[in-house]
């Protein structure tokens, strides 16, 4: 499997299990597999729910700030990779 960086976690909403992610490279689609890795974070998951300004979206592009439901605790500055 190969990984390519697509963004960075900018915030984590603990009560919602949502990571705020700034998309910097490439596109992210619903159904894609991502890998979130940081100093103490390291997990993979499938993208099941993604929002921009509280509206559900299927695709995120560079420059987008998205909310992403995550299965584990993500931390600010964690790197988000697309797995293919």
PDB file of N, CA and C in Angstrom:
ATOM      1  N   UNK A   1       0.835  -1.185   0.000  1.00  0.00           N
ATOM      2  CA  UNK A   1       0.000   0.000   0.000  1.00  0.00           C
ATOM      3  C   UNK A   1       0.881   1.249   0.000  1.00  0.00           C
ATOM      4  N   UNK A   2       0.410   2.242  -0.716  1.00  0.00           N
ATOM      5  CA  UNK A   2       1.133   3.509  -0.741  1.00  0.00           C
ATOM      6  C   UNK A   2       0.301   4.572  -0.038  1.00  0.00           C
ATOM      7  N   UNK A   3       1.004   5.541   0.517  1.00  0.00           N
ATOM      8  CA  UNK A   3       0.345   6.641   1.207  1.00  0.00           C
ATOM      9  C   UNK A   3       0.822   7.953   0.614  1.00  0.00           C
ATOM     10  N   UNK A   4      -0.115   8.915   0.518  1.00  0.00           N
ATOM     11  CA  UNK A   4       0.267  10.258   0.093  1.00  0.00           C
ATOM     12  C   UNK A   4      -0.390  11.254   1.031  1.00  0.00           C
ATOM     13  N   UNK A   5       0.380  12.243   1.431  1.00  0.00           N
ATOM     14  CA  UNK A   5      -0.133  13.248   2.365  1.00  0.00           C
ATOM     15  C   UNK A   5      -1.242  14.046   1.686  1.00  0.00           C
ATOM     16  N   UNK A   6      -2.365  14.211   2.401  1.00  0.00           N
ATOM     17  CA  UNK A   6      -3.452  15.030   1.860  1.00  0.00           C
ATOM     18  C   UNK A   6      -3.824  16.190   2.764  1.00  0.00           C
ATOM     19  N   UNK A   7      -3.376  16.156   4.029  1.00  0.00           N
ATOM     20  CA  UNK A   7      -3.746  17.255   4.907  1.00  0.00           C
ATOM     21  C   UNK A   7      -3.206  17.113   6.309  1.00  0.00           C
ATOM     22  N   UNK A   8      -3.675  18.043   7.179  1.00  0.00           N
ATOM     23  CA  UNK A   8      -3.220  18.122   8.558  1.00  0.00           C
ATOM     24  C   UNK A   8      -4.414  18.359   9.476  1.00  0.00           C
ATOM     25  N   UNK A   9      -4.407  17.706  10.622  1.00  0.00           N
ATOM     26  CA  UNK A   9      -5.454  17.931  11.620  1.00  0.00           C
ATOM     27  C   UNK A   9      -5.230  19.308  12.248  1.00  0.00           C
ATOM     28  N   UNK A  10      -6.277  20.123  12.245  1.00  0.00           N
ATOM     29  CA  UNK A  10      -6.190  21.466  12.825  1.00  0.00           C
ATOM     30  C   UNK A  10      -6.885  21.564  14.176  1.00  0.00           C
ATOM     31  N   UNK A  11      -7.800  20.640  14.460  1.00  0.00           N
ATOM     32  CA  UNK A  11      -8.525  20.651  15.726  1.00  0.00           C
ATOM     33  C   UNK A  11      -9.178  19.292  15.932  1.00  0.00           C
ATOM     34  N   UNK A  12      -9.428  18.948  17.198  1.00  0.00           N
ATOM     35  CA  UNK A  12     -10.151  17.714  17.504  1.00  0.00           C
ATOM     36  C   UNK A  12     -11.283  18.051  18.460  1.00  0.00           C
ATOM     37  N   UNK A  13     -12.492  17.656  18.094  1.00  0.00           N
ATOM     38  CA  UNK A  13     -13.674  17.882  18.913  1.00  0.00           C
ATOM     39  C   UNK A  13     -13.973  16.579  19.654  1.00  0.00           C
ATOM     40  N   UNK A  14     -13.530  16.518  20.899  1.00  0.00           N
ATOM     41  CA  UNK A  14     -13.581  15.290  21.685  1.00  0.00           C
ATOM     42  C   UNK A  14     -14.997  14.748  21.848  1.00  0.00           C
ATOM     43  N   UNK A  15     -15.965  15.606  22.164  1.00  0.00           N
ATOM     44  CA  UNK A  15     -17.323  15.126  22.416  1.00  0.00           C
ATOM     45  C   UNK A  15     -18.012  14.613  21.149  1.00  0.00           C
ATOM     46  N   UNK A  16     -17.549  15.039  19.973  1.00  0.00           N
ATOM     47  CA  UNK A  16     -18.154  14.622  18.706  1.00  0.00           C
ATOM     48  C   UNK A  16     -17.345  13.547  17.985  1.00  0.00           C
ATOM     49  N   UNK A  17     -16.098  13.321  18.421  1.00  0.00           N
ATOM     50  CA  UNK A  17     -15.165  12.418  17.740  1.00  0.00           C
ATOM     51  C   UNK A  17     -14.961  12.873  16.295  1.00  0.00           C
ATOM     52  N   UNK A  18     -14.736  14.172  16.145  1.00  0.00           N
ATOM     53  CA  UNK A  18     -14.551  14.786  14.830  1.00  0.00           C
ATOM     54  C   UNK A  18     -13.213  15.514  14.809  1.00  0.00           C
ATOM     55  N   UNK A  19     -12.468  15.305  13.728  1.00  0.00           N
ATOM     56  CA  UNK A  19     -11.211  16.027  13.517  1.00  0.00           C
ATOM     57  C   UNK A  19     -11.444  17.107  12.470  1.00  0.00           C
ATOM     58  N   UNK A  20     -10.980  18.307  12.750  1.00  0.00           N
ATOM     59  CA  UNK A  20     -10.948  19.363  11.740  1.00  0.00           C
ATOM     60  C   UNK A  20      -9.688  19.145  10.920  1.00  0.00           C
ATOM     61  N   UNK A  21      -9.820  19.058   9.617  1.00  0.00           N
ATOM     62  CA  UNK A  21      -8.679  18.751   8.749  1.00  0.00           C
ATOM     63  C   UNK A  21      -8.573  19.803   7.647  1.00  0.00           C
ATOM     64  N   UNK A  22      -7.376  20.336   7.468  1.00  0.00           N
ATOM     65  CA  UNK A  22      -7.089  21.236   6.350  1.00  0.00           C
ATOM     66  C   UNK A  22      -6.531  20.380   5.218  1.00  0.00           C
ATOM     67  N   UNK A  23      -7.248  20.348   4.094  1.00  0.00           N
ATOM     68  CA  UNK A  23      -6.790  19.578   2.930  1.00  0.00           C
ATOM     69  C   UNK A  23      -5.763  20.431   2.185  1.00  0.00           C
ATOM     70  N   UNK A  24      -4.552  19.879   2.005  1.00  0.00           N
ATOM     71  CA  UNK A  24      -3.475  20.634   1.368  1.00  0.00           C
ATOM     72  C   UNK A  24      -3.033  20.054   0.031  1.00  0.00           C
ATOM     73  N   UNK A  25      -3.197  18.742  -0.146  1.00  0.00           N
ATOM     74  CA  UNK A  25      -2.709  18.079  -1.364  1.00  0.00           C
ATOM     75  C   UNK A  25      -3.712  17.028  -1.817  1.00  0.00           C
ATOM     76  N   UNK A  26      -4.049  17.014  -3.081  1.00  0.00           N
ATOM     77  CA  UNK A  26      -4.920  15.981  -3.617  1.00  0.00           C
ATOM     78  C   UNK A  26      -6.355  16.126  -3.160  1.00  0.00           C
ATOM     79  N   UNK A  27      -7.146  15.108  -3.467  1.00  0.00           N
ATOM     80  CA  UNK A  27      -8.564  15.099  -3.104  1.00  0.00           C
ATOM     81  C   UNK A  27      -8.833  13.959  -2.137  1.00  0.00           C
ATOM     82  N   UNK A  28      -9.858  14.142  -1.315  1.00  0.00           N
ATOM     83  CA  UNK A  28     -10.320  13.110  -0.404  1.00  0.00           C
ATOM     84  C   UNK A  28     -11.776  12.840  -0.726  1.00  0.00           C
ATOM     85  N   UNK A  29     -12.131  11.567  -0.854  1.00  0.00           N
ATOM     86  CA  UNK A  29     -13.490  11.176  -1.214  1.00  0.00           C
ATOM     87  C   UNK A  29     -14.087  10.293  -0.120  1.00  0.00           C
ATOM     88  N   UNK A  30     -15.400  10.351   0.027  1.00  0.00           N
ATOM     89  CA  UNK A  30     -16.081   9.416   0.922  1.00  0.00           C
ATOM     90  C   UNK A  30     -15.764   8.007   0.458  1.00  0.00           C
ATOM     91  N   UNK A  31     -15.469   7.123   1.407  1.00  0.00           N
ATOM     92  CA  UNK A  31     -15.106   5.748   1.074  1.00  0.00           C
ATOM     93  C   UNK A  31     -13.617   5.519   0.984  1.00  0.00           C
ATOM     94  N   UNK A  32     -12.818   6.597   0.882  1.00  0.00           N
ATOM     95  CA  UNK A  32     -11.360   6.443   0.861  1.00  0.00           C
ATOM     96  C   UNK A  32     -10.871   5.943   2.214  1.00  0.00           C
ATOM     97  N   UNK A  33      -9.724   5.286   2.204  1.00  0.00           N
ATOM     98  CA  UNK A  33      -9.067   4.890   3.441  1.00  0.00           C
ATOM     99  C   UNK A  33      -7.999   5.923   3.754  1.00  0.00           C
ATOM    100  N   UNK A  34      -7.960   6.363   5.023  1.00  0.00           N
ATOM    101  CA  UNK A  34      -6.958   7.337   5.444  1.00  0.00           C
ATOM    102  C   UNK A  34      -6.137   6.777   6.590  1.00  0.00           C
ATOM    103  N   UNK A  35      -4.956   7.348   6.769  1.00  0.00           N
ATOM    104  CA  UNK A  35      -4.059   7.005   7.871  1.00  0.00           C
ATOM    105  C   UNK A  35      -3.737   8.325   8.566  1.00  0.00           C
ATOM    106  N   UNK A  36      -4.053   8.408   9.851  1.00  0.00           N
ATOM    107  CA  UNK A  36      -3.736   9.606  10.634  1.00  0.00           C
ATOM    108  C   UNK A  36      -2.568   9.254  11.534  1.00  0.00           C
ATOM    109  N   UNK A  37      -1.498  10.030  11.402  1.00  0.00           N
ATOM    110  CA  UNK A  37      -0.273   9.730  12.147  1.00  0.00           C
ATOM    111  C   UNK A  37       0.290  11.001  12.750  1.00  0.00           C
ATOM    112  N   UNK A  38       0.657  10.903  14.008  1.00  0.00           N
ATOM    113  CA  UNK A  38       1.269  12.020  14.709  1.00  0.00           C
ATOM    114  C   UNK A  38       2.200  11.504  15.781  1.00  0.00           C
ATOM    115  N   UNK A  39       2.527  12.384  16.723  1.00  0.00           N
ATOM    116  CA  UNK A  39       3.458  12.024  17.794  1.00  0.00           C
ATOM    117  C   UNK A  39       2.944  10.835  18.603  1.00  0.00           C
ATOM    118  N   UNK A  40       1.642  10.834  18.922  1.00  0.00           N
ATOM    119  CA  UNK A  40       1.067   9.723  19.687  1.00  0.00           C
ATOM    120  C   UNK A  40      -0.131   9.091  18.986  1.00  0.00           C
ATOM    121  N   UNK A  41      -0.526   9.598  17.835  1.00  0.00           N
ATOM    122  CA  UNK A  41      -1.651   9.045  17.070  1.00  0.00           C
ATOM    123  C   UNK A  41      -1.112   8.176  15.940  1.00  0.00           C
ATOM    124  N   UNK A  42      -1.813   7.093  15.650  1.00  0.00           N
ATOM    125  CA  UNK A  42      -1.414   6.236  14.529  1.00  0.00           C
ATOM    126  C   UNK A  42      -2.542   5.240  14.262  1.00  0.00           C
ATOM    127  N   UNK A  43      -3.462   5.594  13.356  1.00  0.00           N
ATOM    128  CA  UNK A  43      -4.566   4.699  13.044  1.00  0.00           C
ATOM    129  C   UNK A  43      -5.045   4.906  11.617  1.00  0.00           C
ATOM    130  N   UNK A  44      -5.672   3.844  11.079  1.00  0.00           N
ATOM    131  CA  UNK A  44      -6.273   3.883   9.746  1.00  0.00           C
ATOM    132  C   UNK A  44      -7.774   3.730   9.884  1.00  0.00           C
ATOM    133  N   UNK A  45      -8.503   4.312   8.940  1.00  0.00           N
ATOM    134  CA  UNK A  45      -9.953   4.161   8.917  1.00  0.00           C
ATOM    135  C   UNK A  45     -10.473   4.519   7.543  1.00  0.00           C
ATOM    136  N   UNK A  46     -11.713   4.135   7.299  1.00  0.00           N
ATOM    137  CA  UNK A  46     -12.416   4.501   6.074  1.00  0.00           C
ATOM    138  C   UNK A  46     -13.150   5.813   6.330  1.00  0.00           C
ATOM    139  N   UNK A  47     -13.179   6.701   5.336  1.00  0.00           N
ATOM    140  CA  UNK A  47     -13.903   7.970   5.459  1.00  0.00           C
ATOM    141  C   UNK A  47     -15.387   7.681   5.299  1.00  0.00           C
ATOM    142  N   UNK A  48     -16.134   7.885   6.384  1.00  0.00           N
ATOM    143  CA  UNK A  48     -17.566   7.608   6.343  1.00  0.00           C
ATOM    144  C   UNK A  48     -18.400   8.883   6.393  1.00  0.00           C
ATOM    145  N   UNK A  49     -17.906   9.916   7.077  1.00  0.00           N
ATOM    146  CA  UNK A  49     -18.660  11.160   7.199  1.00  0.00           C
ATOM    147  C   UNK A  49     -17.705  12.343   7.104  1.00  0.00           C
ATOM    148  N   UNK A  50     -18.015  13.256   6.190  1.00  0.00           N
ATOM    149  CA  UNK A  50     -17.169  14.414   5.940  1.00  0.00           C
ATOM    150  C   UNK A  50     -18.077  15.618   5.723  1.00  0.00           C
ATOM    151  N   UNK A  51     -17.750  16.755   6.349  1.00  0.00           N
ATOM    152  CA  UNK A  51     -18.576  17.950   6.211  1.00  0.00           C
ATOM    153  C   UNK A  51     -17.721  19.186   5.989  1.00  0.00           C
ATOM    154  N   UNK A  52     -18.324  20.139   5.266  1.00  0.00           N
ATOM    155  CA  UNK A  52     -17.759  21.480   5.134  1.00  0.00           C
ATOM    156  C   UNK A  52     -18.859  22.436   5.571  1.00  0.00           C
ATOM    157  N   UNK A  53     -18.574  23.260   6.575  1.00  0.00           N
ATOM    158  CA  UNK A  53     -19.566  24.194   7.123  1.00  0.00           C
ATOM    159  C   UNK A  53     -20.874  23.490   7.484  1.00  0.00           C
ATOM    160  N   UNK A  54     -20.774  22.354   8.147  1.00  0.00           N
ATOM    161  CA  UNK A  54     -21.920  21.573   8.632  1.00  0.00           C
ATOM    162  C   UNK A  54     -22.780  20.984   7.518  1.00  0.00           C
ATOM    163  N   UNK A  55     -22.295  20.962   6.290  1.00  0.00           N
ATOM    164  CA  UNK A  55     -23.019  20.349   5.170  1.00  0.00           C
ATOM    165  C   UNK A  55     -22.213  19.139   4.686  1.00  0.00           C
ATOM    166  N   UNK A  56     -22.886  17.998   4.545  1.00  0.00           N
ATOM    167  CA  UNK A  56     -22.217  16.779   4.095  1.00  0.00           C
ATOM    168  C   UNK A  56     -21.675  16.952   2.678  1.00  0.00           C
ATOM    169  N   UNK A  57     -20.459  16.462   2.461  1.00  0.00           N
ATOM    170  CA  UNK A  57     -19.839  16.492   1.137  1.00  0.00           C
ATOM    171  C   UNK A  57     -19.244  15.121   0.842  1.00  0.00           C
ATOM    172  N   UNK A  58     -19.081  14.824  -0.447  1.00  0.00           N
ATOM    173  CA  UNK A  58     -18.480  13.562  -0.862  1.00  0.00           C
ATOM    174  C   UNK A  58     -17.027  13.723  -1.274  1.00  0.00           C
ATOM    175  N   UNK A  59     -16.600  14.973  -1.574  1.00  0.00           N
ATOM    176  CA  UNK A  59     -15.241  15.228  -2.037  1.00  0.00           C
ATOM    177  C   UNK A  59     -14.702  16.486  -1.372  1.00  0.00           C
ATOM    178  N   UNK A  60     -13.445  16.430  -0.950  1.00  0.00           N
ATOM    179  CA  UNK A  60     -12.758  17.600  -0.412  1.00  0.00           C
ATOM    180  C   UNK A  60     -11.510  17.847  -1.254  1.00  0.00           C
ATOM    181  N   UNK A  61     -11.240  19.112  -1.533  1.00  0.00           N
ATOM    182  CA  UNK A  61     -10.120  19.498  -2.396  1.00  0.00           C
ATOM    183  C   UNK A  61      -9.160  20.413  -1.646  1.00  0.00           C
ATOM    184  N   UNK A  62      -7.947  20.627  -2.189  1.00  0.00           N
ATOM    185  CA  UNK A  62      -6.986  21.519  -1.526  1.00  0.00           C
ATOM    186  C   UNK A  62      -7.613  22.882  -1.216  1.00  0.00           C
ATOM    187  N   UNK A  63      -7.372  23.347   0.009  1.00  0.00           N
ATOM    188  CA  UNK A  63      -7.933  24.605   0.471  1.00  0.00           C
ATOM    189  C   UNK A  63      -9.172  24.429   1.322  1.00  0.00           C
ATOM    190  N   UNK A  64      -9.797  23.239   1.257  1.00  0.00           N
ATOM    191  CA  UNK A  64     -10.998  22.974   2.054  1.00  0.00           C
ATOM    192  C   UNK A  64     -10.626  22.702   3.506  1.00  0.00           C
ATOM    193  N   UNK A  65     -11.470  23.176   4.409  1.00  0.00           N
ATOM    194  CA  UNK A  65     -11.388  22.853   5.838  1.00  0.00           C
ATOM    195  C   UNK A  65     -12.573  21.938   6.113  1.00  0.00           C
ATOM    196  N   UNK A  66     -12.311  20.688   6.464  1.00  0.00           N
ATOM    197  CA  UNK A  66     -13.402  19.729   6.632  1.00  0.00           C
ATOM    198  C   UNK A  66     -13.494  19.234   8.069  1.00  0.00           C
ATOM    199  N   UNK A  67     -14.679  18.765   8.412  1.00  0.00           N
ATOM    200  CA  UNK A  67     -14.885  18.025   9.639  1.00  0.00           C
ATOM    201  C   UNK A  67     -14.992  16.564   9.264  1.00  0.00           C
ATOM    202  N   UNK A  68     -14.238  15.717   9.936  1.00  0.00           N
ATOM    203  CA  UNK A  68     -14.129  14.310   9.580  1.00  0.00           C
ATOM    204  C   UNK A  68     -14.369  13.460  10.819  1.00  0.00           C
ATOM    205  N   UNK A  69     -15.382  12.604  10.791  1.00  0.00           N
ATOM    206  CA  UNK A  69     -15.625  11.700  11.910  1.00  0.00           C
ATOM    207  C   UNK A  69     -14.489  10.693  11.978  1.00  0.00           C
ATOM    208  N   UNK A  70     -13.884  10.553  13.173  1.00  0.00           N
ATOM    209  CA  UNK A  70     -12.744   9.646  13.333  1.00  0.00           C
ATOM    210  C   UNK A  70     -13.037   8.596  14.395  1.00  0.00           C
ATOM    211  N   UNK A  71     -12.370   7.447  14.270  1.00  0.00           N
ATOM    212  CA  UNK A  71     -12.610   6.319  15.165  1.00  0.00           C
ATOM    213  C   UNK A  71     -11.737   6.361  16.417  1.00  0.00           C
ATOM    214  N   UNK A  72     -10.669   7.163  16.383  1.00  0.00           N
ATOM    215  CA  UNK A  72      -9.782   7.319  17.536  1.00  0.00           C
ATOM    216  C   UNK A  72      -9.491   8.798  17.745  1.00  0.00           C
ATOM    217  N   UNK A  73      -8.820   9.101  18.842  1.00  0.00           N
ATOM    218  CA  UNK A  73      -8.484  10.485  19.171  1.00  0.00           C
ATOM    219  C   UNK A  73      -7.389  10.991  18.230  1.00  0.00           C
ATOM    220  N   UNK A  74      -7.666  12.075  17.534  1.00  0.00           N
ATOM    221  CA  UNK A  74      -6.665  12.727  16.680  1.00  0.00           C
ATOM    222  C   UNK A  74      -6.184  13.982  17.399  1.00  0.00           C
ATOM    223  N   UNK A  75      -5.000  14.433  17.065  1.00  0.00           N
ATOM    224  CA  UNK A  75      -4.420  15.595  17.722  1.00  0.00           C
ATOM    225  C   UNK A  75      -4.011  16.641  16.693  1.00  0.00           C
ATOM    226  N   UNK A  76      -4.025  17.909  17.119  1.00  0.00           N
ATOM    227  CA  UNK A  76      -3.599  18.982  16.233  1.00  0.00           C
ATOM    228  C   UNK A  76      -2.206  18.674  15.713  1.00  0.00           C
ATOM    229  N   UNK A  77      -1.975  18.983  14.450  1.00  0.00           N
ATOM    230  CA  UNK A  77      -0.707  18.794  13.737  1.00  0.00           C
ATOM    231  C   UNK A  77      -0.467  17.354  13.286  1.00  0.00           C
ATOM    232  N   UNK A  78      -1.395  16.417  13.572  1.00  0.00           N
ATOM    233  CA  UNK A  78      -1.260  15.067  13.013  1.00  0.00           C
ATOM    234  C   UNK A  78      -1.368  15.180  11.491  1.00  0.00           C
ATOM    235  N   UNK A  79      -0.660  14.315  10.796  1.00  0.00           N
ATOM    236  CA  UNK A  79      -0.689  14.304   9.343  1.00  0.00           C
ATOM    237  C   UNK A  79      -1.732  13.285   8.874  1.00  0.00           C
ATOM    238  N   UNK A  80      -2.475  13.663   7.843  1.00  0.00           N
ATOM    239  CA  UNK A  80      -3.504  12.786   7.277  1.00  0.00           C
ATOM    240  C   UNK A  80      -3.015  12.315   5.907  1.00  0.00           C
ATOM    241  N   UNK A  81      -2.978  11.005   5.729  1.00  0.00           N
ATOM    242  CA  UNK A  81      -2.533  10.392   4.488  1.00  0.00           C
ATOM    243  C   UNK A  81      -3.683   9.637   3.841  1.00  0.00           C
ATOM    244  N   UNK A  82      -3.747   9.662   2.516  1.00  0.00           N
ATOM    245  CA  UNK A  82      -4.675   8.808   1.764  1.00  0.00           C
ATOM    246  C   UNK A  82      -3.933   7.506   1.479  1.00  0.00           C
ATOM    247  N   UNK A  83      -4.600   6.381   1.716  1.00  0.00           N
ATOM    248  CA  UNK A  83      -4.000   5.065   1.510  1.00  0.00           C
ATOM    249  C   UNK A  83      -4.592   4.468   0.245  1.00  0.00           C
ATOM    250  N   UNK A  84      -3.711   3.990  -0.644  1.00  0.00           N
ATOM    251  CA  UNK A  84      -4.202   3.353  -1.866  1.00  0.00           C
ATOM    252  C   UNK A  84      -3.457   2.068  -2.145  1.00  0.00           C
TER     253      UNK A  84
END
